[in-house]
């Protein structure tokens, strides 16, 4: 059963890699959308926890940098 899970995980990662190969800018664009959402939170909910911690800004930066590194590798 463990071998079957490994094959399934390997197969799904391979399919995900094949999906992302022609769409190199998808993950960095997702990161930029999160950064824009953070900008909206700054104006719409100025005192909220999400606005003060800049959670979407940090996640967006991490995802965008990861996406750039991944697209460079693909």
C-alpha atoms as a PDB file:
ATOM      1  CA  UNK A   1       0.000   0.000   0.000  1.00  0.00           C
ATOM      2  CA  UNK A   2       2.903   2.355   0.714  1.00  0.00           C
ATOM      3  CA  UNK A   3       4.340   1.675  -2.749  1.00  0.00           C
ATOM      4  CA  UNK A   4       1.016   2.585  -4.309  1.00  0.00           C
ATOM      5  CA  UNK A   5       0.966   5.931  -2.474  1.00  0.00           C
ATOM      6  CA  UNK A   6       4.503   6.696  -3.609  1.00  0.00           C
ATOM      7  CA  UNK A   7       3.610   5.947  -7.194  1.00  0.00           C
ATOM      8  CA  UNK A   8       0.489   8.059  -6.917  1.00  0.00           C
ATOM      9  CA  UNK A   9       2.386  10.971  -5.369  1.00  0.00           C
ATOM     10  CA  UNK A  10       5.113  10.672  -7.966  1.00  0.00           C
ATOM     11  CA  UNK A  11       2.580  10.528 -10.767  1.00  0.00           C
ATOM     12  CA  UNK A  12       0.628  13.502  -9.451  1.00  0.00           C
ATOM     13  CA  UNK A  13       3.801  15.571  -9.032  1.00  0.00           C
ATOM     14  CA  UNK A  14       4.812  14.681 -12.573  1.00  0.00           C
ATOM     15  CA  UNK A  15       1.412  15.725 -13.908  1.00  0.00           C
ATOM     16  CA  UNK A  16       1.554  18.974 -11.912  1.00  0.00           C
ATOM     17  CA  UNK A  17       5.011  19.672 -13.325  1.00  0.00           C
ATOM     18  CA  UNK A  18       3.773  19.008 -16.847  1.00  0.00           C
ATOM     19  CA  UNK A  19       0.855  21.378 -16.235  1.00  0.00           C
ATOM     20  CA  UNK A  20       3.086  24.189 -14.972  1.00  0.00           C
ATOM     21  CA  UNK A  21       5.805  23.856 -17.622  1.00  0.00           C
ATOM     22  CA  UNK A  22       4.002  25.870 -20.336  1.00  0.00           C
ATOM     23  CA  UNK A  23       2.440  28.229 -17.745  1.00  0.00           C
ATOM     24  CA  UNK A  24       5.607  29.627 -16.208  1.00  0.00           C
ATOM     25  CA  UNK A  25       4.031  32.873 -14.997  1.00  0.00           C
ATOM     26  CA  UNK A  26       1.040  31.357 -13.225  1.00  0.00           C
ATOM     27  CA  UNK A  27       2.544  31.057  -9.737  1.00  0.00           C
ATOM     28  CA  UNK A  28       4.216  34.522  -9.734  1.00  0.00           C
ATOM     29  CA  UNK A  29       0.920  36.027 -10.905  1.00  0.00           C
ATOM     30  CA  UNK A  30      -0.849  34.304  -8.027  1.00  0.00           C
ATOM     31  CA  UNK A  31       1.685  35.901  -5.675  1.00  0.00           C
ATOM     32  CA  UNK A  32       1.038  39.320  -7.202  1.00  0.00           C
ATOM     33  CA  UNK A  33      -2.710  38.837  -6.745  1.00  0.00           C
ATOM     34  CA  UNK A  34      -2.126  38.106  -3.044  1.00  0.00           C
ATOM     35  CA  UNK A  35      -0.019  41.268  -2.746  1.00  0.00           C
ATOM     36  CA  UNK A  36      -2.822  43.268  -4.388  1.00  0.00           C
ATOM     37  CA  UNK A  37      -5.351  41.708  -1.991  1.00  0.00           C
ATOM     38  CA  UNK A  38      -3.139  42.874   0.872  1.00  0.00           C
ATOM     39  CA  UNK A  39      -3.222  46.406  -0.568  1.00  0.00           C
ATOM     40  CA  UNK A  40      -7.009  46.292  -0.648  1.00  0.00           C
ATOM     41  CA  UNK A  41      -7.123  45.092   2.963  1.00  0.00           C
ATOM     42  CA  UNK A  42      -5.031  48.107   3.978  1.00  0.00           C
ATOM     43  CA  UNK A  43      -7.752  50.465   2.716  1.00  0.00           C
ATOM     44  CA  UNK A  44     -10.933  48.468   3.328  1.00  0.00           C
ATOM     45  CA  UNK A  45     -10.131  47.087   6.811  1.00  0.00           C
ATOM     46  CA  UNK A  46      -7.384  49.384   8.169  1.00  0.00           C
ATOM     47  CA  UNK A  47      -7.386  48.157  11.764  1.00  0.00           C
ATOM     48  CA  UNK A  48      -7.921  44.460  11.189  1.00  0.00           C
ATOM     49  CA  UNK A  49      -5.437  41.758  12.038  1.00  0.00           C
ATOM     50  CA  UNK A  50      -4.853  40.920   8.374  1.00  0.00           C
ATOM     51  CA  UNK A  51      -4.057  44.557   7.590  1.00  0.00           C
ATOM     52  CA  UNK A  52      -1.690  45.067  10.504  1.00  0.00           C
ATOM     53  CA  UNK A  53       0.250  41.840  10.010  1.00  0.00           C
ATOM     54  CA  UNK A  54       0.400  42.123   6.181  1.00  0.00           C
ATOM     55  CA  UNK A  55      -0.225  38.389   5.967  1.00  0.00           C
ATOM     56  CA  UNK A  56      -1.147  38.376   2.281  1.00  0.00           C
ATOM     57  CA  UNK A  57       1.861  40.529   1.463  1.00  0.00           C
ATOM     58  CA  UNK A  58       4.249  38.033   3.033  1.00  0.00           C
ATOM     59  CA  UNK A  59       2.532  34.992   1.510  1.00  0.00           C
ATOM     60  CA  UNK A  60       2.384  36.731  -1.855  1.00  0.00           C
ATOM     61  CA  UNK A  61       6.090  37.514  -1.798  1.00  0.00           C
ATOM     62  CA  UNK A  62       6.985  33.955  -0.834  1.00  0.00           C
ATOM     63  CA  UNK A  63       4.765  32.468  -3.529  1.00  0.00           C
ATOM     64  CA  UNK A  64       6.026  34.891  -6.188  1.00  0.00           C
ATOM     65  CA  UNK A  65       9.677  34.196  -5.383  1.00  0.00           C
ATOM     66  CA  UNK A  66       9.013  30.449  -5.306  1.00  0.00           C
ATOM     67  CA  UNK A  67       7.201  30.720  -8.635  1.00  0.00           C
ATOM     68  CA  UNK A  68      10.086  32.614 -10.225  1.00  0.00           C
ATOM     69  CA  UNK A  69      12.581  30.028  -9.011  1.00  0.00           C
ATOM     70  CA  UNK A  70      10.346  27.192 -10.192  1.00  0.00           C
ATOM     71  CA  UNK A  71       9.810  28.744 -13.614  1.00  0.00           C
ATOM     72  CA  UNK A  72      13.523  29.231 -13.993  1.00  0.00           C
ATOM     73  CA  UNK A  73      14.069  25.538 -13.203  1.00  0.00           C
ATOM     74  CA  UNK A  74      11.366  24.371 -15.621  1.00  0.00           C
END
